[in-house]
């Protein structure tokens, strides 16, 4: 067996030299401090992004531009994460309360009758794949519910909230179970729900009286986009220049999103899922952040120049 090649880590001097490929520095000590805090890989991504925009800014990026971009991205993550949390909490309420009332069963999420194993897909290959995965999906929900219900060392409040006449074998109501799961668990639950229940989630939580099958399919992509955005924000990943999963805009709104994978398309999805008063607040907060930014958000292509007008044109769900 050949001995594995050992790769030595880059020391700070080497990291500084490599960073100078992307950004011009006047003060090596400042970049050393920044690298010791952020790490080379993370900071290099911002440098690479700026270097790719040389044609827009007209020169090689400077040290100040790098720091300003990093700080703007940090504020952008904090802002969008706050609204992703609002969307997640609202969605949990829409599903748990809306469907518990419709089904007259607060444990509907544990019943196979609440779901469509094929996800209503007409494509033969997709139907078979969805059916194959459904058994594991429902098993995971039941195992997860049992784990939360019985692990009173980790979740002591479960025992405290349980009525005296109820024992640990009584399954958790949906409102309690959904309190402990996140968007990564909610997305597959919504995608497997029966068609009438998927529409009921929208009727309960939003403003229209009728929702078609097409809207529920589009909603799947908005959920996935917000879940992905939330994860980027929560794990401190770079948002500027972000491209991710495809969203499907509603009929007649294709013109609003110039790209179905960029950062603005995430804002589109977020506005669709948020209640109107929260989406209005998001727009106001983002306007303030952009207006006070030390980076040229539009020249760098972080957002479209007319993003505010586009955002206003997105119809409330």
C-alpha atoms as a PDB file:
ATOM      1  CA  UNK A   1       0.000   0.000   0.000  1.00  0.00           C
ATOM      2  CA  UNK A   2       1.339   3.409  -0.991  1.00  0.00           C
ATOM      3  CA  UNK A   3       1.829   5.831   1.893  1.00  0.00           C
ATOM      4  CA  UNK A   4      -0.662   8.685   1.834  1.00  0.00           C
ATOM      5  CA  UNK A   5       0.719  12.005   0.728  1.00  0.00           C
ATOM      6  CA  UNK A   6       0.739  14.468   3.606  1.00  0.00           C
ATOM      7  CA  UNK A   7      -0.509  17.963   2.782  1.00  0.00           C
ATOM      8  CA  UNK A   8       0.756  20.561   5.188  1.00  0.00           C
ATOM      9  CA  UNK A   9      -1.637  23.357   6.190  1.00  0.00           C
ATOM     10  CA  UNK A  10      -0.988  26.843   4.859  1.00  0.00           C
ATOM     11  CA  UNK A  11       0.599  29.163   7.379  1.00  0.00           C
ATOM     12  CA  UNK A  12      -0.557  32.779   7.690  1.00  0.00           C
ATOM     13  CA  UNK A  13       2.243  34.115   5.485  1.00  0.00           C
ATOM     14  CA  UNK A  14       1.228  31.763   2.661  1.00  0.00           C
ATOM     15  CA  UNK A  15      -2.432  32.658   3.114  1.00  0.00           C
ATOM     16  CA  UNK A  16      -1.644  36.382   2.826  1.00  0.00           C
ATOM     17  CA  UNK A  17       0.340  35.780  -0.390  1.00  0.00           C
ATOM     18  CA  UNK A  18      -2.519  33.783  -1.907  1.00  0.00           C
ATOM     19  CA  UNK A  19      -5.103  36.413  -0.928  1.00  0.00           C
ATOM     20  CA  UNK A  20      -3.084  39.010  -2.853  1.00  0.00           C
ATOM     21  CA  UNK A  21      -4.000  37.157  -6.051  1.00  0.00           C
ATOM     22  CA  UNK A  22      -7.563  38.405  -5.568  1.00  0.00           C
ATOM     23  CA  UNK A  23      -7.289  41.658  -3.600  1.00  0.00           C
ATOM     24  CA  UNK A  24      -4.740  44.489  -3.256  1.00  0.00           C
ATOM     25  CA  UNK A  25      -3.588  45.010   0.346  1.00  0.00           C
ATOM     26  CA  UNK A  26      -1.855  47.970   1.938  1.00  0.00           C
ATOM     27  CA  UNK A  27      -1.555  46.455   5.383  1.00  0.00           C
ATOM     28  CA  UNK A  28      -0.519  42.828   5.830  1.00  0.00           C
ATOM     29  CA  UNK A  29      -1.129  42.900   9.577  1.00  0.00           C
ATOM     30  CA  UNK A  30      -4.820  43.715   9.060  1.00  0.00           C
ATOM     31  CA  UNK A  31      -5.361  40.824   6.656  1.00  0.00           C
ATOM     32  CA  UNK A  32      -3.495  38.520   9.054  1.00  0.00           C
ATOM     33  CA  UNK A  33      -5.926  39.427  11.837  1.00  0.00           C
ATOM     34  CA  UNK A  34      -8.890  38.917   9.513  1.00  0.00           C
ATOM     35  CA  UNK A  35      -7.613  35.536   8.309  1.00  0.00           C
ATOM     36  CA  UNK A  36      -6.975  34.327  11.858  1.00  0.00           C
ATOM     37  CA  UNK A  37     -10.638  35.040  12.626  1.00  0.00           C
ATOM     38  CA  UNK A  38     -12.491  34.098   9.445  1.00  0.00           C
ATOM     39  CA  UNK A  39     -10.236  31.404   8.011  1.00  0.00           C
ATOM     40  CA  UNK A  40      -8.635  31.367   4.577  1.00  0.00           C
ATOM     41  CA  UNK A  41     -11.296  29.439   2.660  1.00  0.00           C
ATOM     42  CA  UNK A  42     -14.148  31.686   3.793  1.00  0.00           C
ATOM     43  CA  UNK A  43     -12.347  34.972   3.097  1.00  0.00           C
ATOM     44  CA  UNK A  44     -10.953  33.767  -0.222  1.00  0.00           C
ATOM     45  CA  UNK A  45     -14.488  33.256  -1.532  1.00  0.00           C
ATOM     46  CA  UNK A  46     -15.234  36.941  -1.051  1.00  0.00           C
ATOM     47  CA  UNK A  47     -11.966  37.847  -2.770  1.00  0.00           C
ATOM     48  CA  UNK A  48     -12.760  35.555  -5.700  1.00  0.00           C
ATOM     49  CA  UNK A  49     -16.234  37.070  -6.019  1.00  0.00           C
ATOM     50  CA  UNK A  50     -14.828  40.614  -6.098  1.00  0.00           C
ATOM     51  CA  UNK A  51     -12.152  39.661  -8.626  1.00  0.00           C
ATOM     52  CA  UNK A  52     -14.838  38.222 -10.906  1.00  0.00           C
ATOM     53  CA  UNK A  53     -16.489  41.678 -10.853  1.00  0.00           C
ATOM     54  CA  UNK A  54     -13.387  43.609 -11.983  1.00  0.00           C
ATOM     55  CA  UNK A  55     -15.184  44.596 -15.176  1.00  0.00           C
ATOM     56  CA  UNK A  56     -17.956  46.170 -13.099  1.00  0.00           C
ATOM     57  CA  UNK A  57     -15.803  48.075 -10.605  1.00  0.00           C
ATOM     58  CA  UNK A  58     -13.089  48.996 -13.132  1.00  0.00           C
ATOM     59  CA  UNK A  59     -10.071  47.923 -11.064  1.00  0.00           C
ATOM     60  CA  UNK A  60      -8.615  45.130  -8.978  1.00  0.00           C
ATOM     61  CA  UNK A  61     -10.508  44.903  -5.669  1.00  0.00           C
ATOM     62  CA  UNK A  62      -8.971  46.634  -2.683  1.00  0.00           C
ATOM     63  CA  UNK A  63      -8.613  45.581   0.928  1.00  0.00           C
ATOM     64  CA  UNK A  64     -11.383  47.995   1.964  1.00  0.00           C
ATOM     65  CA  UNK A  65     -13.770  46.571  -0.645  1.00  0.00           C
ATOM     66  CA  UNK A  66     -13.153  43.073   0.714  1.00  0.00           C
ATOM     67  CA  UNK A  67     -13.898  44.046   4.313  1.00  0.00           C
ATOM     68  CA  UNK A  68     -16.977  46.074   3.331  1.00  0.00           C
ATOM     69  CA  UNK A  69     -18.363  43.187   1.301  1.00  0.00           C
ATOM     70  CA  UNK A  70     -17.771  40.711   4.126  1.00  0.00           C
ATOM     71  CA  UNK A  71     -19.545  42.971   6.636  1.00  0.00           C
ATOM     72  CA  UNK A  72     -22.465  43.636   4.285  1.00  0.00           C
ATOM     73  CA  UNK A  73     -22.903  39.899   3.717  1.00  0.00           C
ATOM     74  CA  UNK A  74     -22.887  39.323   7.470  1.00  0.00           C
ATOM     75  CA  UNK A  75     -25.683  41.892   7.980  1.00  0.00           C
ATOM     76  CA  UNK A  76     -27.624  40.451   5.039  1.00  0.00           C
ATOM     77  CA  UNK A  77     -27.483  36.954   6.558  1.00  0.00           C
ATOM     78  CA  UNK A  78     -28.719  38.205   9.928  1.00  0.00           C
ATOM     79  CA  UNK A  79     -31.600  40.061   8.301  1.00  0.00           C
ATOM     80  CA  UNK A  80     -32.762  37.245   6.036  1.00  0.00           C
ATOM     81  CA  UNK A  81     -32.362  34.616   8.757  1.00  0.00           C
ATOM     82  CA  UNK A  82     -34.765  36.587  10.962  1.00  0.00           C
ATOM     83  CA  UNK A  83     -37.424  36.485   8.227  1.00  0.00           C
ATOM     84  CA  UNK A  84     -36.759  32.832   7.394  1.00  0.00           C
ATOM     85  CA  UNK A  85     -37.554  32.080  11.046  1.00  0.00           C
ATOM     86  CA  UNK A  86     -40.818  34.028  10.779  1.00  0.00           C
ATOM     87  CA  UNK A  87     -41.741  32.080   7.635  1.00  0.00           C
ATOM     88  CA  UNK A  88     -40.940  28.780   9.346  1.00  0.00           C
ATOM     89  CA  UNK A  89     -42.986  29.533  12.459  1.00  0.00           C
ATOM     90  CA  UNK A  90     -45.945  30.765  10.387  1.00  0.00           C
ATOM     91  CA  UNK A  91     -45.828  27.644   8.223  1.00  0.00           C
ATOM     92  CA  UNK A  92     -45.802  25.370  11.274  1.00  0.00           C
ATOM     93  CA  UNK A  93     -48.969  27.073  12.509  1.00  0.00           C
ATOM     94  CA  UNK A  94     -50.641  26.851   9.088  1.00  0.00           C
ATOM     95  CA  UNK A  95     -50.022  23.115   8.909  1.00  0.00           C
ATOM     96  CA  UNK A  96     -50.680  22.082  12.498  1.00  0.00           C
ATOM     97  CA  UNK A  97     -53.742  24.188  13.267  1.00  0.00           C
ATOM     98  CA  UNK A  98     -55.242  24.202   9.775  1.00  0.00           C
ATOM     99  CA  UNK A  99     -54.976  20.454   9.232  1.00  0.00           C
ATOM    100  CA  UNK A 100     -55.797  19.428  12.817  1.00  0.00           C
ATOM    101  CA  UNK A 101     -59.090  21.319  12.409  1.00  0.00           C
ATOM    102  CA  UNK A 102     -59.811  19.990   8.918  1.00  0.00           C
ATOM    103  CA  UNK A 103     -59.103  16.361   9.840  1.00  0.00           C
ATOM    104  CA  UNK A 104     -60.537  16.729  13.362  1.00  0.00           C
ATOM    105  CA  UNK A 105     -57.382  14.889  14.420  1.00  0.00           C
ATOM    106  CA  UNK A 106     -54.417  16.579  16.105  1.00  0.00           C
ATOM    107  CA  UNK A 107     -52.193  13.596  15.232  1.00  0.00           C
ATOM    108  CA  UNK A 108     -52.940  13.562  11.512  1.00  0.00           C
ATOM    109  CA  UNK A 109     -49.221  13.683  10.654  1.00  0.00           C
ATOM    110  CA  UNK A 110     -48.724  10.104  11.943  1.00  0.00           C
ATOM    111  CA  UNK A 111     -51.444   8.618   9.715  1.00  0.00           C
ATOM    112  CA  UNK A 112     -50.595   7.208   6.283  1.00  0.00           C
ATOM    113  CA  UNK A 113     -54.055   8.349   5.133  1.00  0.00           C
ATOM    114  CA  UNK A 114     -52.853  11.958   5.365  1.00  0.00           C
ATOM    115  CA  UNK A 115     -50.338  11.418   2.564  1.00  0.00           C
ATOM    116  CA  UNK A 116     -50.105  10.498  -1.102  1.00  0.00           C
ATOM    117  CA  UNK A 117     -47.140   8.116  -1.529  1.00  0.00           C
ATOM    118  CA  UNK A 118     -46.753   9.023  -5.225  1.00  0.00           C
ATOM    119  CA  UNK A 119     -46.967  12.770  -4.455  1.00  0.00           C
ATOM    120  CA  UNK A 120     -49.578  12.865  -7.241  1.00  0.00           C
ATOM    121  CA  UNK A 121     -46.828  12.609  -9.852  1.00  0.00           C
ATOM    122  CA  UNK A 122     -47.850  11.336 -13.295  1.00  0.00           C
ATOM    123  CA  UNK A 123     -44.340  10.414 -14.407  1.00  0.00           C
ATOM    124  CA  UNK A 124     -43.869   6.652 -13.951  1.00  0.00           C
ATOM    125  CA  UNK A 125     -40.249   6.842 -12.774  1.00  0.00           C
ATOM    126  CA  UNK A 126     -40.999   9.651 -10.303  1.00  0.00           C
ATOM    127  CA  UNK A 127     -44.079   7.841  -8.973  1.00  0.00           C
ATOM    128  CA  UNK A 128     -42.089   4.675  -8.323  1.00  0.00           C
ATOM    129  CA  UNK A 129     -39.282   6.605  -6.644  1.00  0.00           C
ATOM    130  CA  UNK A 130     -41.711   8.507  -4.403  1.00  0.00           C
ATOM    131  CA  UNK A 131     -43.518   5.308  -3.429  1.00  0.00           C
ATOM    132  CA  UNK A 132     -40.221   3.609  -2.665  1.00  0.00           C
ATOM    133  CA  UNK A 133     -39.144   6.458  -0.389  1.00  0.00           C
ATOM    134  CA  UNK A 134     -42.514   6.863   1.335  1.00  0.00           C
ATOM    135  CA  UNK A 135     -42.094   3.857   3.629  1.00  0.00           C
ATOM    136  CA  UNK A 136     -38.882   5.325   5.047  1.00  0.00           C
ATOM    137  CA  UNK A 137     -40.479   8.777   5.235  1.00  0.00           C
ATOM    138  CA  UNK A 138     -43.420   7.699   7.412  1.00  0.00           C
ATOM    139  CA  UNK A 139     -41.166   5.461   9.519  1.00  0.00           C
ATOM    140  CA  UNK A 140     -38.830   8.391  10.203  1.00  0.00           C
ATOM    141  CA  UNK A 141     -41.745  10.584  11.346  1.00  0.00           C
ATOM    142  CA  UNK A 142     -42.982   7.926  13.778  1.00  0.00           C
ATOM    143  CA  UNK A 143     -39.511   7.220  15.134  1.00  0.00           C
ATOM    144  CA  UNK A 144     -38.811  10.923  15.533  1.00  0.00           C
ATOM    145  CA  UNK A 145     -42.117  11.481  17.344  1.00  0.00           C
ATOM    146  CA  UNK A 146     -41.322   8.633  19.743  1.00  0.00           C
ATOM    147  CA  UNK A 147     -37.822   9.961  20.377  1.00  0.00           C
ATOM    148  CA  UNK A 148     -39.120  13.435  21.259  1.00  0.00           C
ATOM    149  CA  UNK A 149     -41.983  12.053  23.355  1.00  0.00           C
ATOM    150  CA  UNK A 150     -39.866   9.684  25.435  1.00  0.00           C
ATOM    151  CA  UNK A 151     -36.560  11.545  25.775  1.00  0.00           C
ATOM    152  CA  UNK A 152     -37.545  13.508  28.854  1.00  0.00           C
ATOM    153  CA  UNK A 153     -33.894  14.103  29.754  1.00  0.00           C
ATOM    154  CA  UNK A 154     -33.441  16.140  26.566  1.00  0.00           C
ATOM    155  CA  UNK A 155     -36.990  17.509  26.445  1.00  0.00           C
ATOM    156  CA  UNK A 156     -38.117  17.800  30.106  1.00  0.00           C
ATOM    157  CA  UNK A 157     -40.845  20.272  29.142  1.00  0.00           C
ATOM    158  CA  UNK A 158     -42.698  17.449  27.340  1.00  0.00           C
ATOM    159  CA  UNK A 159     -43.258  15.682  30.652  1.00  0.00           C
ATOM    160  CA  UNK A 160     -44.173  18.925  32.397  1.00  0.00           C
ATOM    161  CA  UNK A 161     -46.786  19.827  29.771  1.00  0.00           C
ATOM    162  CA  UNK A 162     -48.359  16.345  29.677  1.00  0.00           C
ATOM    163  CA  UNK A 163     -51.760  16.201  31.432  1.00  0.00           C
ATOM    164  CA  UNK A 164     -51.789  14.013  34.540  1.00  0.00           C
ATOM    165  CA  UNK A 165     -54.142  11.467  32.975  1.00  0.00           C
ATOM    166  CA  UNK A 166     -51.862  11.102  29.931  1.00  0.00           C
ATOM    167  CA  UNK A 167     -48.895   8.721  29.838  1.00  0.00           C
ATOM    168  CA  UNK A 168     -45.686   8.633  27.779  1.00  0.00           C
ATOM    169  CA  UNK A 169     -47.367   6.352  25.224  1.00  0.00           C
ATOM    170  CA  UNK A 170     -49.821   9.054  24.137  1.00  0.00           C
ATOM    171  CA  UNK A 171     -48.631  10.376  20.790  1.00  0.00           C
ATOM    172  CA  UNK A 172     -47.729  14.062  20.531  1.00  0.00           C
ATOM    173  CA  UNK A 173     -50.255  16.486  19.003  1.00  0.00           C
ATOM    174  CA  UNK A 174     -49.058  18.003  15.741  1.00  0.00           C
ATOM    175  CA  UNK A 175     -48.549  21.428  17.315  1.00  0.00           C
ATOM    176  CA  UNK A 176     -46.084  19.940  19.816  1.00  0.00           C
ATOM    177  CA  UNK A 177     -44.278  17.696  17.318  1.00  0.00           C
ATOM    178  CA  UNK A 178     -43.825  20.472  14.746  1.00  0.00           C
ATOM    179  CA  UNK A 179     -42.381  22.705  17.462  1.00  0.00           C
ATOM    180  CA  UNK A 180     -39.301  20.447  17.530  1.00  0.00           C
ATOM    181  CA  UNK A 181     -38.682  19.979  13.811  1.00  0.00           C
ATOM    182  CA  UNK A 182     -37.310  22.439  11.267  1.00  0.00           C
ATOM    183  CA  UNK A 183     -37.852  23.296   7.610  1.00  0.00           C
ATOM    184  CA  UNK A 184     -35.713  20.361   6.501  1.00  0.00           C
ATOM    185  CA  UNK A 185     -38.370  18.057   8.015  1.00  0.00           C
ATOM    186  CA  UNK A 186     -41.374  20.173   7.018  1.00  0.00           C
ATOM    187  CA  UNK A 187     -40.558  20.291   3.290  1.00  0.00           C
ATOM    188  CA  UNK A 188     -41.007  16.516   2.716  1.00  0.00           C
ATOM    189  CA  UNK A 189     -44.088  16.451   4.957  1.00  0.00           C
ATOM    190  CA  UNK A 190     -45.792  19.121   2.848  1.00  0.00           C
ATOM    191  CA  UNK A 191     -44.711  17.470  -0.415  1.00  0.00           C
ATOM    192  CA  UNK A 192     -46.235  14.104   0.640  1.00  0.00           C
ATOM    193  CA  UNK A 193     -49.520  15.507   2.019  1.00  0.00           C
ATOM    194  CA  UNK A 194     -52.735  14.595   0.216  1.00  0.00           C
ATOM    195  CA  UNK A 195     -53.696  17.118  -2.437  1.00  0.00           C
ATOM    196  CA  UNK A 196     -56.690  18.459  -0.495  1.00  0.00           C
ATOM    197  CA  UNK A 197     -54.530  18.928   2.618  1.00  0.00           C
ATOM    198  CA  UNK A 198     -51.816  20.761   0.659  1.00  0.00           C
ATOM    199  CA  UNK A 199     -54.478  23.190  -0.567  1.00  0.00           C
ATOM    200  CA  UNK A 200     -55.952  23.501   2.935  1.00  0.00           C
ATOM    201  CA  UNK A 201     -52.578  24.643   4.317  1.00  0.00           C
ATOM    202  CA  UNK A 202     -52.648  27.510   1.819  1.00  0.00           C
ATOM    203  CA  UNK A 203     -56.330  28.336   2.409  1.00  0.00           C
ATOM    204  CA  UNK A 204     -55.799  28.457   6.159  1.00  0.00           C
ATOM    205  CA  UNK A 205     -52.650  30.557   6.127  1.00  0.00           C
ATOM    206  CA  UNK A 206     -53.082  32.896   3.169  1.00  0.00           C
ATOM    207  CA  UNK A 207     -55.586  35.231   1.562  1.00  0.00           C
ATOM    208  CA  UNK A 208     -57.168  33.459  -1.406  1.00  0.00           C
ATOM    209  CA  UNK A 209     -60.225  31.218  -1.295  1.00  0.00           C
ATOM    210  CA  UNK A 210     -59.052  28.736  -3.920  1.00  0.00           C
ATOM    211  CA  UNK A 211     -55.662  27.201  -4.734  1.00  0.00           C
ATOM    212  CA  UNK A 212     -54.968  24.812  -7.581  1.00  0.00           C
ATOM    213  CA  UNK A 213     -52.622  21.856  -7.862  1.00  0.00           C
ATOM    214  CA  UNK A 214     -50.148  23.983  -9.823  1.00  0.00           C
ATOM    215  CA  UNK A 215     -49.806  26.449  -6.943  1.00  0.00           C
ATOM    216  CA  UNK A 216     -49.042  23.662  -4.473  1.00  0.00           C
ATOM    217  CA  UNK A 217     -46.272  22.439  -6.804  1.00  0.00           C
ATOM    218  CA  UNK A 218     -44.838  25.947  -6.992  1.00  0.00           C
ATOM    219  CA  UNK A 219     -45.105  26.199  -3.202  1.00  0.00           C
ATOM    220  CA  UNK A 220     -42.826  23.143  -2.949  1.00  0.00           C
ATOM    221  CA  UNK A 221     -40.074  25.061  -4.763  1.00  0.00           C
ATOM    222  CA  UNK A 222     -40.584  28.163  -2.584  1.00  0.00           C
ATOM    223  CA  UNK A 223     -40.309  26.054   0.550  1.00  0.00           C
ATOM    224  CA  UNK A 224     -37.106  24.464  -0.696  1.00  0.00           C
ATOM    225  CA  UNK A 225     -35.660  27.880  -1.615  1.00  0.00           C
ATOM    226  CA  UNK A 226     -36.417  29.315   1.842  1.00  0.00           C
ATOM    227  CA  UNK A 227     -35.064  26.187   3.533  1.00  0.00           C
ATOM    228  CA  UNK A 228     -31.849  26.522   1.543  1.00  0.00           C
ATOM    229  CA  UNK A 229     -31.619  30.252   2.316  1.00  0.00           C
ATOM    230  CA  UNK A 230     -32.192  29.586   6.016  1.00  0.00           C
ATOM    231  CA  UNK A 231     -29.397  27.003   6.066  1.00  0.00           C
ATOM    232  CA  UNK A 232     -26.977  29.374   4.332  1.00  0.00           C
ATOM    233  CA  UNK A 233     -27.750  32.056   6.903  1.00  0.00           C
ATOM    234  CA  UNK A 234     -27.632  29.713   9.892  1.00  0.00           C
ATOM    235  CA  UNK A 235     -24.261  28.246   8.873  1.00  0.00           C
ATOM    236  CA  UNK A 236     -22.715  31.640   8.016  1.00  0.00           C
ATOM    237  CA  UNK A 237     -22.216  30.837   4.332  1.00  0.00           C
ATOM    238  CA  UNK A 238     -21.657  33.534   1.719  1.00  0.00           C
ATOM    239  CA  UNK A 239     -24.911  34.968   0.350  1.00  0.00           C
ATOM    240  CA  UNK A 240     -23.645  37.503  -2.189  1.00  0.00           C
ATOM    241  CA  UNK A 241     -23.493  35.898  -5.605  1.00  0.00           C
ATOM    242  CA  UNK A 242     -25.533  32.965  -4.307  1.00  0.00           C
ATOM    243  CA  UNK A 243     -27.136  30.577  -6.800  1.00  0.00           C
ATOM    244  CA  UNK A 244     -29.240  27.672  -5.667  1.00  0.00           C
ATOM    245  CA  UNK A 245     -32.251  25.461  -6.428  1.00  0.00           C
ATOM    246  CA  UNK A 246     -34.771  26.531  -9.071  1.00  0.00           C
ATOM    247  CA  UNK A 247     -38.009  28.223  -8.013  1.00  0.00           C
ATOM    248  CA  UNK A 248     -41.183  28.155 -10.089  1.00  0.00           C
ATOM    249  CA  UNK A 249     -42.891  31.576 -10.160  1.00  0.00           C
ATOM    250  CA  UNK A 250     -46.670  31.764 -10.242  1.00  0.00           C
ATOM    251  CA  UNK A 251     -48.422  32.078 -13.591  1.00  0.00           C
ATOM    252  CA  UNK A 252     -47.878  35.560 -15.002  1.00  0.00           C
ATOM    253  CA  UNK A 253     -44.913  36.365 -12.742  1.00  0.00           C
ATOM    254  CA  UNK A 254     -42.027  34.938 -14.794  1.00  0.00           C
ATOM    255  CA  UNK A 255     -41.035  38.469 -15.785  1.00  0.00           C
ATOM    256  CA  UNK A 256     -40.400  39.403 -12.126  1.00  0.00           C
ATOM    257  CA  UNK A 257     -37.506  36.972 -11.650  1.00  0.00           C
ATOM    258  CA  UNK A 258     -34.723  37.414 -14.205  1.00  0.00           C
ATOM    259  CA  UNK A 259     -33.072  34.275 -12.793  1.00  0.00           C
ATOM    260  CA  UNK A 260     -34.853  31.416 -11.002  1.00  0.00           C
ATOM    261  CA  UNK A 261     -31.758  30.540  -8.964  1.00  0.00           C
ATOM    262  CA  UNK A 262     -30.242  33.844  -7.755  1.00  0.00           C
ATOM    263  CA  UNK A 263     -30.595  35.719  -4.451  1.00  0.00           C
ATOM    264  CA  UNK A 264     -33.599  37.748  -5.606  1.00  0.00           C
ATOM    265  CA  UNK A 265     -35.440  34.525  -6.450  1.00  0.00           C
ATOM    266  CA  UNK A 266     -34.989  33.577  -2.762  1.00  0.00           C
ATOM    267  CA  UNK A 267     -36.623  36.894  -1.854  1.00  0.00           C
ATOM    268  CA  UNK A 268     -39.471  36.021  -4.224  1.00  0.00           C
ATOM    269  CA  UNK A 269     -40.003  32.714  -2.412  1.00  0.00           C
ATOM    270  CA  UNK A 270     -39.756  34.368   0.997  1.00  0.00           C
ATOM    271  CA  UNK A 271     -42.389  36.961   0.135  1.00  0.00           C
ATOM    272  CA  UNK A 272     -44.730  34.237  -1.113  1.00  0.00           C
ATOM    273  CA  UNK A 273     -44.511  32.331   2.172  1.00  0.00           C
ATOM    274  CA  UNK A 274     -44.503  35.270   4.595  1.00  0.00           C
ATOM    275  CA  UNK A 275     -47.743  36.989   5.700  1.00  0.00           C
ATOM    276  CA  UNK A 276     -48.154  40.413   4.090  1.00  0.00           C
ATOM    277  CA  UNK A 277     -47.154  42.498   7.132  1.00  0.00           C
ATOM    278  CA  UNK A 278     -43.902  40.536   7.461  1.00  0.00           C
ATOM    279  CA  UNK A 279     -43.072  40.808   3.747  1.00  0.00           C
ATOM    280  CA  UNK A 280     -43.629  44.588   3.936  1.00  0.00           C
ATOM    281  CA  UNK A 281     -41.284  44.766   6.921  1.00  0.00           C
ATOM    282  CA  UNK A 282     -38.696  42.676   5.050  1.00  0.00           C
ATOM    283  CA  UNK A 283     -38.737  45.122   2.131  1.00  0.00           C
ATOM    284  CA  UNK A 284     -38.329  48.128   4.459  1.00  0.00           C
ATOM    285  CA  UNK A 285     -35.453  46.512   6.380  1.00  0.00           C
ATOM    286  CA  UNK A 286     -33.679  45.462   3.194  1.00  0.00           C
ATOM    287  CA  UNK A 287     -34.079  48.963   1.714  1.00  0.00           C
ATOM    288  CA  UNK A 288     -32.340  50.418   4.771  1.00  0.00           C
ATOM    289  CA  UNK A 289     -29.556  47.847   4.627  1.00  0.00           C
ATOM    290  CA  UNK A 290     -28.886  48.491   0.921  1.00  0.00           C
ATOM    291  CA  UNK A 291     -29.068  52.291   1.337  1.00  0.00           C
ATOM    292  CA  UNK A 292     -26.493  52.232   4.152  1.00  0.00           C
ATOM    293  CA  UNK A 293     -24.188  49.661   2.556  1.00  0.00           C
ATOM    294  CA  UNK A 294     -20.565  50.549   1.863  1.00  0.00           C
ATOM    295  CA  UNK A 295     -20.615  48.300  -1.212  1.00  0.00           C
ATOM    296  CA  UNK A 296     -22.287  48.941  -4.570  1.00  0.00           C
ATOM    297  CA  UNK A 297     -24.967  46.266  -4.332  1.00  0.00           C
ATOM    298  CA  UNK A 298     -26.139  46.803  -7.911  1.00  0.00           C
ATOM    299  CA  UNK A 299     -22.782  47.053  -9.723  1.00  0.00           C
ATOM    300  CA  UNK A 300     -21.725  43.826  -8.026  1.00  0.00           C
ATOM    301  CA  UNK A 301     -24.954  42.142  -9.155  1.00  0.00           C
ATOM    302  CA  UNK A 302     -26.043  41.200  -5.640  1.00  0.00           C
ATOM    303  CA  UNK A 303     -29.566  42.492  -6.347  1.00  0.00           C
ATOM    304  CA  UNK A 304     -31.225  43.927  -9.486  1.00  0.00           C
ATOM    305  CA  UNK A 305     -31.306  47.738  -9.600  1.00  0.00           C
ATOM    306  CA  UNK A 306     -35.111  47.642  -9.687  1.00  0.00           C
ATOM    307  CA  UNK A 307     -35.473  44.981  -6.977  1.00  0.00           C
ATOM    308  CA  UNK A 308     -37.900  47.138  -4.955  1.00  0.00           C
ATOM    309  CA  UNK A 309     -40.268  47.523  -7.902  1.00  0.00           C
ATOM    310  CA  UNK A 310     -40.042  43.809  -8.688  1.00  0.00           C
ATOM    311  CA  UNK A 311     -40.656  42.925  -5.036  1.00  0.00           C
ATOM    312  CA  UNK A 312     -43.799  45.084  -4.986  1.00  0.00           C
ATOM    313  CA  UNK A 313     -45.180  43.278  -8.044  1.00  0.00           C
ATOM    314  CA  UNK A 314     -45.065  39.850  -6.372  1.00  0.00           C
ATOM    315  CA  UNK A 315     -48.673  38.952  -5.607  1.00  0.00           C
ATOM    316  CA  UNK A 316     -49.505  37.928  -2.065  1.00  0.00           C
ATOM    317  CA  UNK A 317     -50.364  34.272  -1.762  1.00  0.00           C
END
